[in-house]
Amino acid sequence: MKFTFHLGIAAVLACLSTSAAKRPNILFLLSDDQAWAGLSCQMHPDMPESKHPIVETPNIAKLAEQGMRFSAAYAPAPVCSPTRISLQTGWNPAALRWTKAAPPETGRRLIEGETRKSIREQEVTIAELLKTAGYATAHFGKWHLGGGGPEAHGYDESDGDTGNNDAAPHLPPNPVDIFGMGTRAADFMKQSRDAGKPFFIQMSYHALHYPENASPDLIEKYRKLAGGGNDKEIGRAAIAEDLDRGVGELLAKLDELGLSGTTYVIYMSDNGGSNRRTLMGGKGDVWEGGIRVPLIVRGPGVAANSCCHQRVVGYAWFPTVCGWAGLTELVPANLDGGDISHLLAGSNEPVKRPREELVFHFPHYQGDTPHSAILLGSHKLIEFYETGERRLFDLASDIGERRDLAAEKPELAAQLATRLHAYLKEVDASMPRLNSNFDVTAEPLMRKGGKRKKGGEKANKVKS
């Protein structure tokens, strides 16, 4: 399967013949490790538990009131860099064979599937395509994809080849560089406007990393609201509000420059987080808590205070943004994602993808043991590679994945497993394999998720 493509000269010239001034600006706001229910606005209008009980994010809530919320939005992966490479290239992380960010865990029953850490020179990014249509492009914040940084992959301006640790030195009044990023983005927006060029800016915020860097007054605020508790979670609540203020200031600058009416603003998270009040699992697994994320979009033709319940995945932004820019003919026909612009315009027609099912592949140890999931219709199947165990859920009635239907519907479980295996084989996904040197007596405990039973037996079951 080929994951690169060449820009046809005729197609590029046709695209350039259209006035760049008619193309919308795009401001992509990507938070880090923010749970589906991590904001103060509900991600599902009928589920009060789909918002955070104490975190206050009034600016993002206002953005939601001005645009569309997606109740069933998914990150391409349950960890950061696989999602980021997927957003840049439009491919499912399984097809890219880039499925984990952290180093592999050793001493396990299985050897984790191989992954990589650097974007390839021949992989065409969304920024490279947009530049052919006259866009000014910028990437601020966390890159985490190697390969020489954003400016080696189509971005006119960036903060360089950054990763998690680049957030650490930024303390209040600029926690994890939220406000520094905002200043640089505002300058870039003004420069682009003055030059008569549409812009694409990806704001890859470091927050919610380094929660200890949050504003001290907010840490104290949430310590009182939470009534004590875990310092890390208190810090994460505080830095979420810091991030919200940064988003609010940047959107105010968009208003000041007179660009709000011609700009799509997209807000989403790179992966899920702890949602145990509502969703099972979290970062590092493909339970709903690890992959379902907040997604809000405001822009031309998007109805205020609207909500879409269709299932969408982050890699849909590649063909969607290309459509906005008049670059549809340059989008490979076999990308996993489909253009979702019709949903933003109010249509409820299904998204056109090469295949109906959605696959999330995580052949690693982190939030759970190596596993993959397939979603089709209202059903979701998770298969665990250590044991071959399958779990089947009906998300329409059980978003929290509490009731396993695999024993009740074995034929459906088998059918979904067959489709899952066919997809992974088709894209040559990296798979885990047996560890011939495995020593059950020396198996380490997992950092989170499933725990090793007495005597070394591994338990995949997650308590509800």
Protein backbone atom coordinates (compact mmCIF):
# COMPACT_ATOMS: atom_id res chain seq x y z
CA MET A 1 0.00 0.00 0.00
CA LYS A 2 1.45 3.38 -1.04
CA PHE A 3 1.24 6.37 1.31
CA THR A 4 2.82 9.11 -0.81
CA PHE A 5 1.57 10.89 -3.90
CA HIS A 6 2.84 13.45 -6.38
CA LEU A 7 1.26 16.82 -7.00
CA GLY A 8 0.04 16.80 -10.61
CA ILE A 9 1.13 19.96 -12.46
CA ALA A 10 -2.19 20.44 -14.22
CA ALA A 11 -4.17 19.99 -11.03
CA VAL A 12 -1.96 22.43 -9.14
CA LEU A 13 -2.26 25.07 -11.86
CA ALA A 14 -6.04 24.61 -11.88
CA CYS A 15 -6.11 25.13 -8.13
CA LEU A 16 -3.94 28.23 -8.35
CA SER A 17 -6.25 29.75 -10.95
CA THR A 18 -8.89 30.28 -8.27
CA SER A 19 -8.42 33.41 -6.21
CA ALA A 20 -6.69 32.63 -2.92
CA ALA A 21 -8.75 35.38 -1.32
CA LYS A 22 -11.88 33.21 -1.68
CA ARG A 23 -10.41 30.38 0.34
CA PRO A 24 -11.19 30.21 4.07
CA ASN A 25 -8.62 30.57 6.80
CA ILE A 26 -8.21 27.53 9.06
CA LEU A 27 -7.22 27.69 12.72
CA PHE A 28 -6.73 24.20 14.13
CA LEU A 29 -6.58 24.10 17.95
CA LEU A 30 -5.24 20.76 19.23
CA SER A 31 -5.17 20.15 22.97
CA ASP A 32 -3.15 17.34 24.55
CA ASP A 33 -4.61 14.52 26.67
CA GLN A 34 -8.00 16.20 27.10
CA ALA A 35 -10.87 13.88 27.95
CA TRP A 36 -14.13 13.79 26.01
CA ALA A 37 -15.89 15.05 29.12
CA GLY A 38 -13.05 17.44 30.00
CA LEU A 39 -14.73 20.77 29.18
CA SER A 40 -17.45 22.81 30.85
CA CYS A 41 -19.73 22.34 27.82
CA GLN A 42 -21.49 19.05 27.17
CA MET A 43 -20.23 17.02 24.25
CA HIS A 44 -23.63 15.32 24.04
CA PRO A 45 -26.74 17.48 24.60
CA ASP A 46 -28.61 14.67 26.36
CA MET A 47 -25.75 13.64 28.66
CA PRO A 48 -24.98 16.01 31.55
CA GLU A 49 -22.09 13.73 32.42
CA SER A 50 -20.41 14.59 29.09
CA LYS A 51 -18.96 17.74 30.64
CA HIS A 52 -16.49 18.11 33.50
CA PRO A 53 -18.06 18.55 36.95
CA ILE A 54 -15.70 21.35 38.05
CA VAL A 55 -13.42 22.51 35.20
CA GLU A 56 -14.39 25.92 33.83
CA THR A 57 -13.70 26.57 30.14
CA PRO A 58 -16.02 29.50 29.28
CA ASN A 59 -14.25 30.53 26.08
CA ILE A 60 -14.38 27.05 24.58
CA ALA A 61 -18.00 26.77 25.73
CA LYS A 62 -18.72 30.02 23.87
CA LEU A 63 -17.03 28.58 20.78
CA ALA A 64 -19.36 25.57 21.06
CA GLU A 65 -22.38 27.89 21.25
CA GLN A 66 -21.20 29.61 18.06
CA GLY A 67 -20.61 26.39 16.14
CA MET A 68 -21.10 22.64 16.02
CA ARG A 69 -20.28 19.99 18.60
CA PHE A 70 -19.59 16.41 17.59
CA SER A 71 -20.78 13.90 20.18
CA ALA A 72 -19.00 10.94 18.57
CA ALA A 73 -15.63 12.33 17.50
CA TYR A 74 -12.53 10.16 17.71
CA ALA A 75 -8.82 10.77 17.72
CA PRO A 76 -6.98 8.54 15.23
CA ALA A 77 -5.02 7.00 18.12
CA PRO A 78 -5.12 6.84 21.93
CA VAL A 79 -1.69 8.52 22.20
CA CYS A 80 -0.18 11.70 20.80
CA SER A 81 2.32 11.27 17.96
CA PRO A 82 0.31 8.64 16.01
CA THR A 83 -2.61 11.08 16.01
CA ARG A 84 -0.32 13.91 14.93
CA ILE A 85 1.15 12.03 11.96
CA SER A 86 -2.39 11.00 11.00
CA LEU A 87 -3.56 14.62 11.02
CA GLN A 88 -0.60 15.68 8.89
CA THR A 89 -0.96 12.95 6.26
CA GLY A 90 -4.59 11.80 6.36
CA TRP A 91 -3.81 8.13 6.98
CA ASN A 92 -4.89 5.78 9.76
CA PRO A 93 -1.93 5.22 12.14
CA ALA A 94 -2.22 1.46 11.50
CA ALA A 95 -1.56 2.05 7.81
CA LEU A 96 1.37 4.31 8.67
CA ARG A 97 2.79 1.68 11.06
CA TRP A 98 3.12 4.43 13.67
CA THR A 99 0.96 3.46 16.62
CA LYS A 100 2.82 4.40 19.82
CA ALA A 101 4.68 7.40 21.20
CA ALA A 102 6.37 6.00 24.34
CA PRO A 103 9.15 3.36 24.27
CA PRO A 104 7.96 -0.28 24.23
CA GLU A 105 7.49 -2.13 27.49
CA THR A 106 9.65 -5.23 27.85
CA GLY A 107 9.34 -8.45 29.82
CA ARG A 108 5.80 -9.01 28.59
CA ARG A 109 4.06 -12.05 27.17
CA LEU A 110 4.04 -10.34 23.78
CA ILE A 111 6.62 -8.23 22.00
CA GLU A 112 4.92 -4.99 21.00
CA GLY A 113 4.26 -4.17 17.36
CA GLU A 114 6.97 -2.12 15.71
CA THR A 115 6.44 1.63 15.43
CA ARG A 116 8.47 4.62 14.32
CA LYS A 117 9.33 8.08 15.57
CA SER A 118 9.94 10.30 12.55
CA ILE A 119 7.87 11.59 9.65
CA ARG A 120 9.34 10.57 6.31
CA GLU A 121 10.53 13.10 3.77
CA GLN A 122 8.28 11.64 1.05
CA GLU A 123 5.09 11.82 3.15
CA VAL A 124 3.02 14.72 1.86
CA THR A 125 1.53 16.86 4.63
CA ILE A 126 -1.59 18.98 4.66
CA ALA A 127 0.64 22.07 4.84
CA GLU A 128 2.52 21.10 1.68
CA LEU A 129 -0.74 20.71 -0.20
CA LEU A 130 -2.19 23.98 1.10
CA LYS A 131 0.89 25.90 0.02
CA THR A 132 0.14 24.90 -3.58
CA ALA A 133 -3.19 26.72 -3.16
CA GLY A 134 -1.56 29.91 -1.92
CA TYR A 135 -1.90 29.36 1.81
CA ALA A 136 0.46 30.73 4.43
CA THR A 137 1.13 27.90 6.87
CA ALA A 138 2.30 27.81 10.48
CA HIS A 139 2.66 25.24 13.24
CA PHE A 140 3.14 26.41 16.81
CA GLY A 141 3.71 24.26 19.88
CA LYS A 142 4.32 20.53 20.07
CA TRP A 143 5.42 18.86 16.82
CA HIS A 144 6.61 15.49 18.20
CA LEU A 145 7.12 14.00 14.75
CA GLY A 146 10.85 14.48 14.18
CA GLY A 147 11.89 14.65 10.53
CA GLY A 148 13.55 18.04 10.89
CA GLY A 149 10.48 19.81 12.27
CA PRO A 150 7.46 21.49 10.66
CA GLU A 151 9.44 23.77 8.35
CA ALA A 152 10.89 20.71 6.60
CA HIS A 153 7.31 19.58 5.90
CA GLY A 154 5.47 22.54 4.43
CA TYR A 155 5.17 25.06 7.25
CA ASP A 156 6.39 28.62 6.70
CA GLU A 157 6.81 29.26 10.41
CA SER A 158 7.03 27.01 13.47
CA ASP A 159 8.55 26.52 16.90
CA GLY A 160 10.88 23.86 15.50
CA ASP A 161 11.23 20.13 16.12
CA THR A 162 9.58 20.26 19.54
CA GLY A 163 8.36 17.56 21.93
CA ASN A 164 6.90 17.18 25.39
CA ASN A 165 9.94 18.47 27.26
CA ASP A 166 9.82 21.82 25.49
CA ALA A 167 6.82 22.73 27.62
CA ALA A 168 8.61 22.31 30.95
CA PRO A 169 10.56 25.61 31.09
CA HIS A 170 7.43 27.70 30.50
CA LEU A 171 6.07 28.74 33.89
CA PRO A 172 3.39 31.30 34.85
CA PRO A 173 2.52 33.83 33.56
CA ASN A 174 3.04 31.75 30.39
CA PRO A 175 2.33 28.18 31.55
CA VAL A 176 3.54 25.58 29.00
CA ASP A 177 3.84 28.46 26.47
CA ILE A 178 0.08 28.81 25.96
CA PHE A 179 0.22 32.59 25.67
CA GLY A 180 3.54 32.73 23.85
CA MET A 181 2.06 30.47 21.18
CA GLY A 182 -0.95 32.75 21.01
CA THR A 183 1.18 35.84 20.43
CA ARG A 184 3.10 34.17 17.60
CA ALA A 185 -0.13 32.93 16.00
CA ALA A 186 -1.74 36.37 16.22
CA ASP A 187 1.26 37.94 14.50
CA PHE A 188 1.10 35.30 11.76
CA MET A 189 -2.63 35.91 11.22
CA LYS A 190 -2.03 39.64 10.81
CA GLN A 191 0.88 39.10 8.43
CA SER A 192 -1.19 36.75 6.31
CA ARG A 193 -4.15 39.12 6.22
CA ASP A 194 -1.96 42.05 5.23
CA ALA A 195 -0.36 39.94 2.48
CA GLY A 196 -3.79 38.92 1.16
CA LYS A 197 -3.13 35.22 1.78
CA PRO A 198 -5.39 32.68 3.49
CA PHE A 199 -3.73 30.89 6.38
CA PHE A 200 -3.60 27.46 7.95
CA ILE A 201 -2.36 27.52 11.53
CA GLN A 202 -2.08 24.43 13.72
CA MET A 203 -1.86 25.27 17.40
CA SER A 204 -0.51 22.10 18.98
CA TYR A 205 -0.85 23.07 22.62
CA HIS A 206 1.30 21.33 25.21
CA ALA A 207 -1.52 21.56 27.77
CA LEU A 208 -2.62 19.40 29.55
CA HIS A 209 1.00 18.26 29.99
CA TYR A 210 3.02 19.63 32.93
CA PRO A 211 -0.04 20.41 35.08
CA GLU A 212 2.31 21.57 37.83
CA ASN A 213 3.08 24.58 35.60
CA ALA A 214 -0.51 25.87 35.82
CA SER A 215 -1.23 29.29 37.27
CA PRO A 216 -0.92 29.09 41.09
CA ASP A 217 -4.22 30.88 41.67
CA LEU A 218 -6.01 28.32 39.51
CA ILE A 219 -4.32 25.41 41.26
CA GLU A 220 -5.59 26.80 44.55
CA LYS A 221 -9.05 27.37 43.04
CA TYR A 222 -9.37 23.74 41.93
CA ARG A 223 -7.88 22.39 45.13
CA LYS A 224 -10.83 24.00 46.92
CA LEU A 225 -13.38 22.94 44.28
CA ALA A 226 -12.14 19.35 44.35
CA GLY A 227 -11.99 19.28 48.13
CA GLY A 228 -8.41 18.01 48.06
CA GLY A 229 -7.43 14.93 46.12
CA ASN A 230 -4.80 14.10 43.54
CA ASP A 231 -2.36 16.97 42.88
CA LYS A 232 -1.92 15.95 39.24
CA GLU A 233 -5.65 15.98 38.55
CA ILE A 234 -6.02 19.31 40.31
CA GLY A 235 -3.20 20.70 38.18
CA ARG A 236 -4.78 19.33 35.02
CA ALA A 237 -8.04 21.10 35.85
CA ALA A 238 -6.12 24.31 36.44
CA ILE A 239 -4.09 24.13 33.25
CA ALA A 240 -7.27 23.35 31.29
CA GLU A 241 -8.57 26.75 32.40
CA ASP A 242 -5.25 28.36 31.48
CA LEU A 243 -5.63 26.81 28.03
CA ASP A 244 -9.18 28.09 27.79
CA ARG A 245 -7.98 31.64 28.47
CA GLY A 246 -5.34 31.26 25.76
CA VAL A 247 -7.97 30.08 23.29
CA GLY A 248 -10.21 33.00 24.24
CA GLU A 249 -7.45 35.55 23.67
CA LEU A 250 -6.60 34.07 20.27
CA LEU A 251 -10.24 34.08 19.16
CA ALA A 252 -10.55 37.69 20.31
CA LYS A 253 -7.56 38.54 18.11
CA LEU A 254 -9.31 36.84 15.19
CA ASP A 255 -12.27 39.17 15.82
CA GLU A 256 -10.01 42.20 16.09
CA LEU A 257 -8.42 41.42 12.72
CA GLY A 258 -11.85 41.06 11.11
CA LEU A 259 -11.18 37.44 10.18
CA SER A 260 -13.76 35.49 12.20
CA GLY A 261 -16.32 35.38 9.40
CA THR A 262 -13.89 33.79 6.95
CA THR A 263 -12.12 31.40 9.32
CA TYR A 264 -12.89 27.82 10.32
CA VAL A 265 -11.89 27.20 13.93
CA ILE A 266 -11.45 23.53 14.87
CA TYR A 267 -10.95 22.48 18.49
CA MET A 268 -10.12 18.87 19.38
CA SER A 269 -7.81 16.74 21.52
CA ASP A 270 -5.00 14.47 20.30
CA ASN A 271 -6.31 11.57 22.42
CA GLY A 272 -8.69 10.89 25.25
CA GLY A 273 -8.09 10.94 28.97
CA SER A 274 -9.60 9.57 32.13
CA ASN A 275 -13.41 9.59 31.78
CA ARG A 276 -14.27 7.00 34.39
CA ARG A 277 -17.44 8.85 35.36
CA THR A 278 -18.71 8.27 31.82
CA LEU A 279 -16.36 6.28 29.58
CA MET A 280 -14.19 3.22 30.13
CA GLY A 281 -10.43 3.45 29.82
CA GLY A 282 -8.19 6.39 29.00
CA LYS A 283 -4.97 7.36 27.29
CA GLY A 284 -3.11 4.38 25.85
CA ASP A 285 -6.09 2.14 25.09
CA VAL A 286 -8.89 1.98 22.54
CA TRP A 287 -11.73 1.80 24.99
CA GLU A 288 -13.96 4.86 24.44
CA GLY A 289 -12.09 6.85 27.09
CA GLY A 290 -8.85 6.59 25.13
CA ILE A 291 -10.11 7.59 21.69
CA ARG A 292 -13.36 9.57 21.99
CA VAL A 293 -12.47 13.26 22.21
CA PRO A 294 -14.08 16.70 22.28
CA LEU A 295 -14.54 18.26 18.84
CA ILE A 296 -15.99 21.71 18.18
CA VAL A 297 -16.07 23.54 14.84
CA ARG A 298 -17.06 27.12 14.05
CA GLY A 299 -16.89 28.71 10.63
CA PRO A 300 -18.67 29.77 7.43
CA GLY A 301 -21.96 27.92 7.00
CA VAL A 302 -21.78 26.15 10.38
CA ALA A 303 -25.00 26.64 12.35
CA ALA A 304 -24.66 28.08 15.84
CA ASN A 305 -25.26 25.80 18.82
CA SER A 306 -25.64 22.75 16.59
CA CYS A 307 -24.67 19.16 17.27
CA CYS A 308 -23.72 16.26 15.03
CA HIS A 309 -24.00 12.65 16.23
CA GLN A 310 -22.33 11.01 13.25
CA ARG A 311 -19.07 9.23 13.97
CA VAL A 312 -16.02 11.16 12.70
CA VAL A 313 -12.26 10.59 13.10
CA GLY A 314 -9.40 13.09 13.12
CA TYR A 315 -7.94 11.93 9.82
CA ALA A 316 -11.12 13.23 8.15
CA TRP A 317 -9.67 16.71 8.42
CA PHE A 318 -7.15 16.06 5.63
CA PRO A 319 -9.75 15.61 2.85
CA THR A 320 -12.08 18.17 4.45
CA VAL A 321 -9.48 20.93 4.56
CA CYS A 322 -8.34 20.05 1.04
CA GLY A 323 -11.95 20.47 -0.08
CA TRP A 324 -12.17 23.92 1.48
CA ALA A 325 -8.97 24.89 -0.32
CA GLY A 326 -10.11 23.59 -3.71
CA LEU A 327 -7.64 20.71 -3.66
CA THR A 328 -10.06 17.77 -3.80
CA GLU A 329 -8.47 16.31 -6.93
CA LEU A 330 -5.15 15.94 -5.13
CA VAL A 331 -6.56 13.79 -2.30
CA PRO A 332 -5.77 10.07 -2.68
CA ALA A 333 -8.94 8.04 -3.23
CA ASN A 334 -7.98 5.39 -0.69
CA LEU A 335 -7.49 7.58 2.39
CA ASP A 336 -9.30 6.14 5.40
CA GLY A 337 -11.10 9.40 6.14
CA GLY A 338 -13.88 11.10 4.23
CA ASP A 339 -14.74 14.78 3.75
CA ILE A 340 -17.11 15.90 6.53
CA SER A 341 -17.87 19.40 5.23
CA HIS A 342 -21.45 18.36 4.43
CA LEU A 343 -22.01 17.56 8.11
CA LEU A 344 -20.84 21.06 9.02
CA ALA A 345 -23.34 22.44 6.50
CA GLY A 346 -26.17 20.63 8.30
CA SER A 347 -26.52 17.47 6.21
CA ASN A 348 -26.95 14.14 7.95
CA GLU A 349 -25.85 12.06 4.97
CA PRO A 350 -23.28 9.38 5.90
CA VAL A 351 -19.63 10.25 5.48
CA LYS A 352 -18.23 8.69 2.29
CA ARG A 353 -15.18 6.60 3.19
CA PRO A 354 -13.46 3.73 1.35
CA ARG A 355 -14.85 1.40 4.01
CA GLU A 356 -17.76 1.69 6.39
CA GLU A 357 -15.98 0.39 9.49
CA LEU A 358 -13.49 2.34 11.61
CA VAL A 359 -10.41 0.62 13.02
CA PHE A 360 -8.25 1.65 15.97
CA HIS A 361 -5.06 -0.36 16.36
CA PHE A 362 -2.84 -0.33 19.46
CA PRO A 363 -0.52 -3.37 19.47
CA HIS A 364 1.19 -2.14 22.63
CA TYR A 365 1.18 -2.19 26.41
CA GLN A 366 0.16 1.07 28.02
CA GLY A 367 -3.41 1.60 29.19
CA ASP A 368 -4.12 -2.10 28.59
CA THR A 369 -2.52 -5.10 26.89
CA PRO A 370 -2.06 -5.04 23.05
CA HIS A 371 -5.46 -4.77 21.40
CA SER A 372 -7.45 -3.34 18.48
CA ALA A 373 -11.03 -2.20 17.98
CA ILE A 374 -13.47 -2.04 15.10
CA LEU A 375 -16.61 0.12 15.05
CA LEU A 376 -19.45 -0.65 12.64
CA GLY A 377 -22.97 0.65 13.00
CA SER A 378 -23.70 0.92 16.70
CA HIS A 379 -21.39 -1.97 17.62
CA LYS A 380 -17.78 -2.00 18.73
CA LEU A 381 -15.55 -5.04 19.05
CA ILE A 382 -12.27 -5.01 20.99
CA GLU A 383 -9.85 -7.89 20.50
CA PHE A 384 -6.98 -8.54 22.92
CA TYR A 385 -3.90 -10.22 21.47
CA GLU A 386 -2.53 -11.87 24.60
CA THR A 387 -5.55 -14.10 25.05
CA GLY A 388 -7.59 -13.75 21.86
CA GLU A 389 -10.46 -12.52 24.02
CA ARG A 390 -13.13 -10.42 22.32
CA ARG A 391 -15.46 -7.87 23.87
CA LEU A 392 -18.55 -6.65 22.03
CA PHE A 393 -20.54 -3.54 22.94
CA ASP A 394 -23.55 -1.66 21.60
CA LEU A 395 -22.48 1.97 21.96
CA ALA A 396 -25.98 3.23 21.18
CA SER A 397 -27.20 1.93 24.55
CA ASP A 398 -23.90 1.42 26.36
CA ILE A 399 -21.45 4.26 25.70
CA GLY A 400 -19.62 3.30 28.89
CA GLU A 401 -18.83 -0.21 27.55
CA ARG A 402 -20.10 -1.93 30.68
CA ARG A 403 -22.10 -4.77 29.10
CA ASP A 404 -20.10 -7.29 27.05
CA LEU A 405 -22.32 -8.88 24.38
CA ALA A 406 -19.73 -11.25 22.88
CA ALA A 407 -21.27 -14.35 24.48
CA GLU A 408 -24.81 -13.30 23.48
CA LYS A 409 -23.91 -12.45 19.87
CA PRO A 410 -21.01 -14.73 18.88
CA GLU A 411 -21.78 -14.54 15.15
CA LEU A 412 -21.66 -10.75 15.14
CA ALA A 413 -18.44 -10.79 17.15
CA ALA A 414 -16.89 -13.21 14.65
CA GLN A 415 -18.01 -11.13 11.67
CA LEU A 416 -16.53 -7.96 13.12
CA ALA A 417 -13.29 -9.77 13.99
CA THR A 418 -13.03 -10.97 10.38
CA ARG A 419 -13.40 -7.41 9.08
CA LEU A 420 -10.87 -6.16 11.63
CA HIS A 421 -8.29 -8.76 10.60
CA ALA A 422 -8.90 -8.08 6.90
CA TYR A 423 -8.22 -4.38 7.33
CA LEU A 424 -5.07 -4.87 9.37
CA LYS A 425 -3.76 -7.34 6.77
CA GLU A 426 -4.65 -5.02 3.90
CA VAL A 427 -2.64 -2.10 5.32
CA ASP A 428 0.19 -4.35 6.55
CA ALA A 429 -0.28 -3.16 10.12
CA SER A 430 2.47 -3.90 12.63
CA MET A 431 1.35 -6.71 14.93
CA PRO A 432 2.53 -7.96 18.33
CA ARG A 433 4.23 -11.35 18.47
CA LEU A 434 4.97 -13.97 21.10
CA ASN A 435 7.96 -13.36 23.35
CA SER A 436 9.92 -16.62 23.36
CA ASN A 437 11.87 -15.44 26.41
CA PHE A 438 8.83 -14.54 28.47
CA ASP A 439 9.14 -15.36 32.18
CA VAL A 440 5.76 -15.27 33.89
CA THR A 441 7.37 -14.93 37.32
CA ALA A 442 9.21 -11.78 36.28
CA GLU A 443 6.40 -10.03 34.42
CA PRO A 444 6.19 -6.42 35.63
CA LEU A 445 2.96 -4.83 36.72
CA MET A 446 1.36 -2.53 34.19
CA ARG A 447 1.56 1.16 34.91
CA LYS A 448 -2.23 1.36 34.58
CA GLY A 449 -5.14 -0.57 33.12
CA GLY A 450 -5.24 -4.36 33.49
CA LYS A 451 -3.16 -5.87 36.29
CA ARG A 452 -1.29 -9.14 36.60
CA LYS A 453 -3.16 -11.71 38.67
CA LYS A 454 -1.55 -13.78 41.39
CA GLY A 455 0.69 -16.42 39.82
CA GLY A 456 1.41 -14.31 36.75
CA GLU A 457 -1.87 -14.73 34.87
CA LYS A 458 -2.69 -11.57 32.96
CA ALA A 459 -6.11 -10.03 33.40
CA ASN A 460 -7.51 -7.88 30.60
CA LYS A 461 -10.80 -7.27 32.33
CA VAL A 462 -11.52 -3.71 33.34
CA LYS A 463 -13.83 -3.12 36.24
CA SER A 464 -16.89 -0.99 35.67
